[in-house]
Amino acid sequence: MEPTVKMDLPLMIATTVLAAVFIAFIILRQKFRYGKQLEQLTPKAKPRTFGVFTLEEVAKHDKPDDAWIIVQHLETKEYRVYDITTYIEEHPGGDAILRHVGGDTTEGFHGPQHPVTVYVLIEEYCVGKLAESEAAKLGK
């Protein structure tokens, strides 16, 4: 028994090629969309340079539009310097964050009001560390 519908060979080849092109188009379109989505998720963070700072240098950054703080890291005991200027408006505690800008805020930072996630969050704002000779001046 022969099939009732006959396609000639050139028509079959043309149909197959057209289907392959269509499938390739769909795949490439999805890949492009996925790439765009990934691009949107990639943070546009400015490149940071990490430095070693003195207490005097940190003290110059004591205003809401230029706010640095010093926090002693719990594990390493190293005093790190953070530029929190862009975080001030997001701070859940409001203006309380401004009390110690330009200086050491270790005691307040490690207080019970902060969730453990703050230790991860703060690293985004790290600009360097306090010089070892300066850390000794804090007497901690």
C-alpha atoms as a PDB file:
ATOM      1  CA  MET A   1       0.000   0.000   0.000  1.00  0.00           C
ATOM      2  CA  GLU A   2       1.384   3.377  -1.023  1.00  0.00           C
ATOM      3  CA  PRO A   3       1.033   6.562   1.029  1.00  0.00           C
ATOM      4  CA  THR A   4      -1.757   8.764  -0.193  1.00  0.00           C
ATOM      5  CA  VAL A   5       0.291  11.937  -0.049  1.00  0.00           C
ATOM      6  CA  LYS A   6       3.422  12.112  -2.110  1.00  0.00           C
ATOM      7  CA  MET A   7       6.015  14.846  -1.700  1.00  0.00           C
ATOM      8  CA  ASP A   8       8.718  15.239  -4.192  1.00  0.00           C
ATOM      9  CA  LEU A   9      12.305  15.280  -2.911  1.00  0.00           C
ATOM     10  CA  PRO A  10      13.050  19.011  -3.481  1.00  0.00           C
ATOM     11  CA  LEU A  11       9.928  20.013  -1.528  1.00  0.00           C
ATOM     12  CA  MET A  12      10.912  17.732   1.380  1.00  0.00           C
ATOM     13  CA  ILE A  13      14.424  19.205   1.454  1.00  0.00           C
ATOM     14  CA  ALA A  14      13.071  22.763   1.332  1.00  0.00           C
ATOM     15  CA  THR A  15      10.633  22.028   4.169  1.00  0.00           C
ATOM     16  CA  THR A  16      13.389  20.465   6.299  1.00  0.00           C
ATOM     17  CA  VAL A  17      15.759  23.397   5.712  1.00  0.00           C
ATOM     18  CA  LEU A  18      13.011  25.906   6.490  1.00  0.00           C
ATOM     19  CA  ALA A  19      12.170  24.069   9.730  1.00  0.00           C
ATOM     20  CA  ALA A  20      15.867  23.983  10.728  1.00  0.00           C
ATOM     21  CA  VAL A  21      16.243  27.722  10.066  1.00  0.00           C
ATOM     22  CA  PHE A  22      13.109  28.441  12.096  1.00  0.00           C
ATOM     23  CA  ILE A  23      14.343  26.340  15.040  1.00  0.00           C
ATOM     24  CA  ALA A  24      17.783  28.014  14.890  1.00  0.00           C
ATOM     25  CA  PHE A  25      16.083  31.427  14.916  1.00  0.00           C
ATOM     26  CA  ILE A  26      14.039  30.512  18.011  1.00  0.00           C
ATOM     27  CA  ILE A  27      17.124  29.204  19.844  1.00  0.00           C
ATOM     28  CA  LEU A  28      19.215  32.277  19.010  1.00  0.00           C
ATOM     29  CA  ARG A  29      16.399  34.613  20.047  1.00  0.00           C
ATOM     30  CA  GLN A  30      16.108  32.871  23.429  1.00  0.00           C
ATOM     31  CA  LYS A  31      19.874  32.968  23.888  1.00  0.00           C
ATOM     32  CA  PHE A  32      19.879  36.716  23.157  1.00  0.00           C
ATOM     33  CA  ARG A  33      17.062  37.334  25.638  1.00  0.00           C
ATOM     34  CA  TYR A  34      18.850  35.273  28.299  1.00  0.00           C
ATOM     35  CA  GLY A  35      22.037  37.288  27.729  1.00  0.00           C
ATOM     36  CA  LYS A  36      20.114  40.544  28.160  1.00  0.00           C
ATOM     37  CA  GLN A  37      18.593  39.285  31.409  1.00  0.00           C
ATOM     38  CA  LEU A  38      22.021  38.300  32.735  1.00  0.00           C
ATOM     39  CA  GLU A  39      23.364  41.714  31.780  1.00  0.00           C
ATOM     40  CA  GLN A  40      20.627  43.372  33.821  1.00  0.00           C
ATOM     41  CA  LEU A  41      21.482  41.223  36.846  1.00  0.00           C
ATOM     42  CA  THR A  42      25.184  42.020  36.698  1.00  0.00           C
ATOM     43  CA  PRO A  43      25.949  44.804  39.180  1.00  0.00           C
ATOM     44  CA  LYS A  44      27.260  47.995  37.672  1.00  0.00           C
ATOM     45  CA  ALA A  45      29.590  48.610  40.593  1.00  0.00           C
ATOM     46  CA  LYS A  46      32.312  51.149  40.156  1.00  0.00           C
ATOM     47  CA  PRO A  47      35.814  49.716  40.378  1.00  0.00           C
ATOM     48  CA  ARG A  48      37.138  50.042  43.896  1.00  0.00           C
ATOM     49  CA  THR A  49      40.648  50.552  45.059  1.00  0.00           C
ATOM     50  CA  PHE A  50      41.585  49.352  48.496  1.00  0.00           C
ATOM     51  CA  GLY A  51      43.880  51.507  50.527  1.00  0.00           C
ATOM     52  CA  VAL A  52      45.479  51.824  53.914  1.00  0.00           C
ATOM     53  CA  PHE A  53      44.185  54.857  55.802  1.00  0.00           C
ATOM     54  CA  THR A  54      45.033  56.875  58.889  1.00  0.00           C
ATOM     55  CA  LEU A  55      42.518  58.020  61.492  1.00  0.00           C
ATOM     56  CA  GLU A  56      43.055  61.566  60.224  1.00  0.00           C
ATOM     57  CA  GLU A  57      42.155  60.565  56.653  1.00  0.00           C
ATOM     58  CA  VAL A  58      38.999  58.768  57.759  1.00  0.00           C
ATOM     59  CA  ALA A  59      37.994  61.733  59.951  1.00  0.00           C
ATOM     60  CA  LYS A  60      37.754  63.926  56.830  1.00  0.00           C
ATOM     61  CA  HIS A  61      34.806  61.818  55.650  1.00  0.00           C
ATOM     62  CA  ASP A  62      32.340  62.834  58.348  1.00  0.00           C
ATOM     63  CA  LYS A  63      29.344  64.167  56.423  1.00  0.00           C
ATOM     64  CA  PRO A  64      26.207  62.509  55.029  1.00  0.00           C
ATOM     65  CA  ASP A  65      27.392  63.110  51.462  1.00  0.00           C
ATOM     66  CA  ASP A  66      30.861  61.705  52.228  1.00  0.00           C
ATOM     67  CA  ALA A  67      30.620  59.179  55.052  1.00  0.00           C
ATOM     68  CA  TRP A  68      33.287  56.676  56.056  1.00  0.00           C
ATOM     69  CA  ILE A  69      33.334  54.460  59.119  1.00  0.00           C
ATOM     70  CA  ILE A  70      35.840  52.168  60.776  1.00  0.00           C
ATOM     71  CA  VAL A  71      34.726  48.743  62.008  1.00  0.00           C
ATOM     72  CA  GLN A  72      36.881  46.072  63.596  1.00  0.00           C
ATOM     73  CA  HIS A  73      36.358  42.738  61.852  1.00  0.00           C
ATOM     74  CA  LEU A  74      35.134  40.120  64.324  1.00  0.00           C
ATOM     75  CA  GLU A  75      37.377  37.285  63.151  1.00  0.00           C
ATOM     76  CA  THR A  76      40.565  38.956  61.937  1.00  0.00           C
ATOM     77  CA  LYS A  77      40.445  41.857  64.444  1.00  0.00           C
ATOM     78  CA  GLU A  78      41.599  44.053  61.556  1.00  0.00           C
ATOM     79  CA  TYR A  79      40.112  47.547  61.433  1.00  0.00           C
ATOM     80  CA  ARG A  80      38.462  48.044  58.060  1.00  0.00           C
ATOM     81  CA  VAL A  81      37.348  51.286  56.460  1.00  0.00           C
ATOM     82  CA  TYR A  82      33.972  51.517  54.723  1.00  0.00           C
ATOM     83  CA  ASP A  83      32.516  54.233  52.498  1.00  0.00           C
ATOM     84  CA  ILE A  84      28.829  54.059  53.459  1.00  0.00           C
ATOM     85  CA  THR A  85      27.768  57.251  51.669  1.00  0.00           C
ATOM     86  CA  THR A  86      25.446  55.466  49.240  1.00  0.00           C
ATOM     87  CA  TYR A  87      23.983  53.269  51.992  1.00  0.00           C
ATOM     88  CA  ILE A  88      22.852  56.014  54.385  1.00  0.00           C
ATOM     89  CA  GLU A  89      19.387  56.446  52.847  1.00  0.00           C
ATOM     90  CA  GLU A  90      18.803  52.673  52.928  1.00  0.00           C
ATOM     91  CA  HIS A  91      19.839  52.256  56.567  1.00  0.00           C
ATOM     92  CA  PRO A  92      16.876  50.812  58.506  1.00  0.00           C
ATOM     93  CA  GLY A  93      17.963  52.689  61.635  1.00  0.00           C
ATOM     94  CA  GLY A  94      17.648  56.059  59.927  1.00  0.00           C
ATOM     95  CA  ASP A  95      20.102  58.779  60.905  1.00  0.00           C
ATOM     96  CA  ALA A  96      21.601  56.676  63.702  1.00  0.00           C
ATOM     97  CA  ILE A  97      24.214  55.592  61.178  1.00  0.00           C
ATOM     98  CA  LEU A  98      25.546  59.154  61.089  1.00  0.00           C
ATOM     99  CA  ARG A  99      26.583  59.237  64.764  1.00  0.00           C
ATOM    100  CA  HIS A 100      30.058  57.874  64.155  1.00  0.00           C
ATOM    101  CA  VAL A 101      30.863  58.731  60.537  1.00  0.00           C
ATOM    102  CA  GLY A 102      34.469  59.715  60.206  1.00  0.00           C
ATOM    103  CA  GLY A 103      35.510  57.452  63.064  1.00  0.00           C
ATOM    104  CA  ASP A 104      35.364  54.088  64.788  1.00  0.00           C
ATOM    105  CA  THR A 105      31.870  52.630  65.013  1.00  0.00           C
ATOM    106  CA  THR A 106      32.856  49.106  66.027  1.00  0.00           C
ATOM    107  CA  GLU A 107      30.881  49.023  69.268  1.00  0.00           C
ATOM    108  CA  GLY A 108      27.631  50.224  67.708  1.00  0.00           C
ATOM    109  CA  PHE A 109      28.083  48.119  64.604  1.00  0.00           C
ATOM    110  CA  HIS A 110      28.396  44.877  66.565  1.00  0.00           C
ATOM    111  CA  GLY A 111      25.367  45.733  68.695  1.00  0.00           C
ATOM    112  CA  PRO A 112      22.278  43.526  69.032  1.00  0.00           C
ATOM    113  CA  GLN A 113      20.231  45.746  66.702  1.00  0.00           C
ATOM    114  CA  HIS A 114      22.060  44.426  63.627  1.00  0.00           C
ATOM    115  CA  PRO A 115      21.193  41.070  62.036  1.00  0.00           C
ATOM    116  CA  VAL A 116      24.033  38.737  61.057  1.00  0.00           C
ATOM    117  CA  THR A 117      23.429  39.619  57.401  1.00  0.00           C
ATOM    118  CA  VAL A 118      24.973  43.037  58.055  1.00  0.00           C
ATOM    119  CA  TYR A 119      28.417  41.393  58.045  1.00  0.00           C
ATOM    120  CA  VAL A 120      27.918  40.309  54.443  1.00  0.00           C
ATOM    121  CA  LEU A 121      26.266  43.568  53.381  1.00  0.00           C
ATOM    122  CA  ILE A 122      29.019  45.814  54.734  1.00  0.00           C
ATOM    123  CA  GLU A 123      31.753  44.188  52.647  1.00  0.00           C
ATOM    124  CA  GLU A 124      30.302  45.804  49.527  1.00  0.00           C
ATOM    125  CA  TYR A 125      31.329  49.172  50.966  1.00  0.00           C
ATOM    126  CA  CYS A 126      34.867  48.291  52.063  1.00  0.00           C
ATOM    127  CA  VAL A 127      37.473  50.723  50.696  1.00  0.00           C
ATOM    128  CA  GLY A 128      40.464  49.535  52.694  1.00  0.00           C
ATOM    129  CA  LYS A 129      41.831  49.105  56.163  1.00  0.00           C
ATOM    130  CA  LEU A 130      43.223  51.219  58.940  1.00  0.00           C
ATOM    131  CA  ALA A 131      47.006  51.380  59.146  1.00  0.00           C
ATOM    132  CA  GLU A 132      48.316  49.039  61.855  1.00  0.00           C
ATOM    133  CA  SER A 133      49.977  51.921  63.699  1.00  0.00           C
ATOM    134  CA  GLU A 134      46.620  53.729  63.718  1.00  0.00           C
ATOM    135  CA  ALA A 135      44.731  50.681  64.973  1.00  0.00           C
ATOM    136  CA  ALA A 136      46.975  50.670  68.037  1.00  0.00           C
ATOM    137  CA  LYS A 137      45.760  54.209  68.809  1.00  0.00           C
ATOM    138  CA  LEU A 138      42.211  52.926  69.146  1.00  0.00           C
ATOM    139  CA  GLY A 139      43.430  50.826  72.081  1.00  0.00           C
ATOM    140  CA  LYS A 140      41.217  47.863  71.431  1.00  0.00           C
END
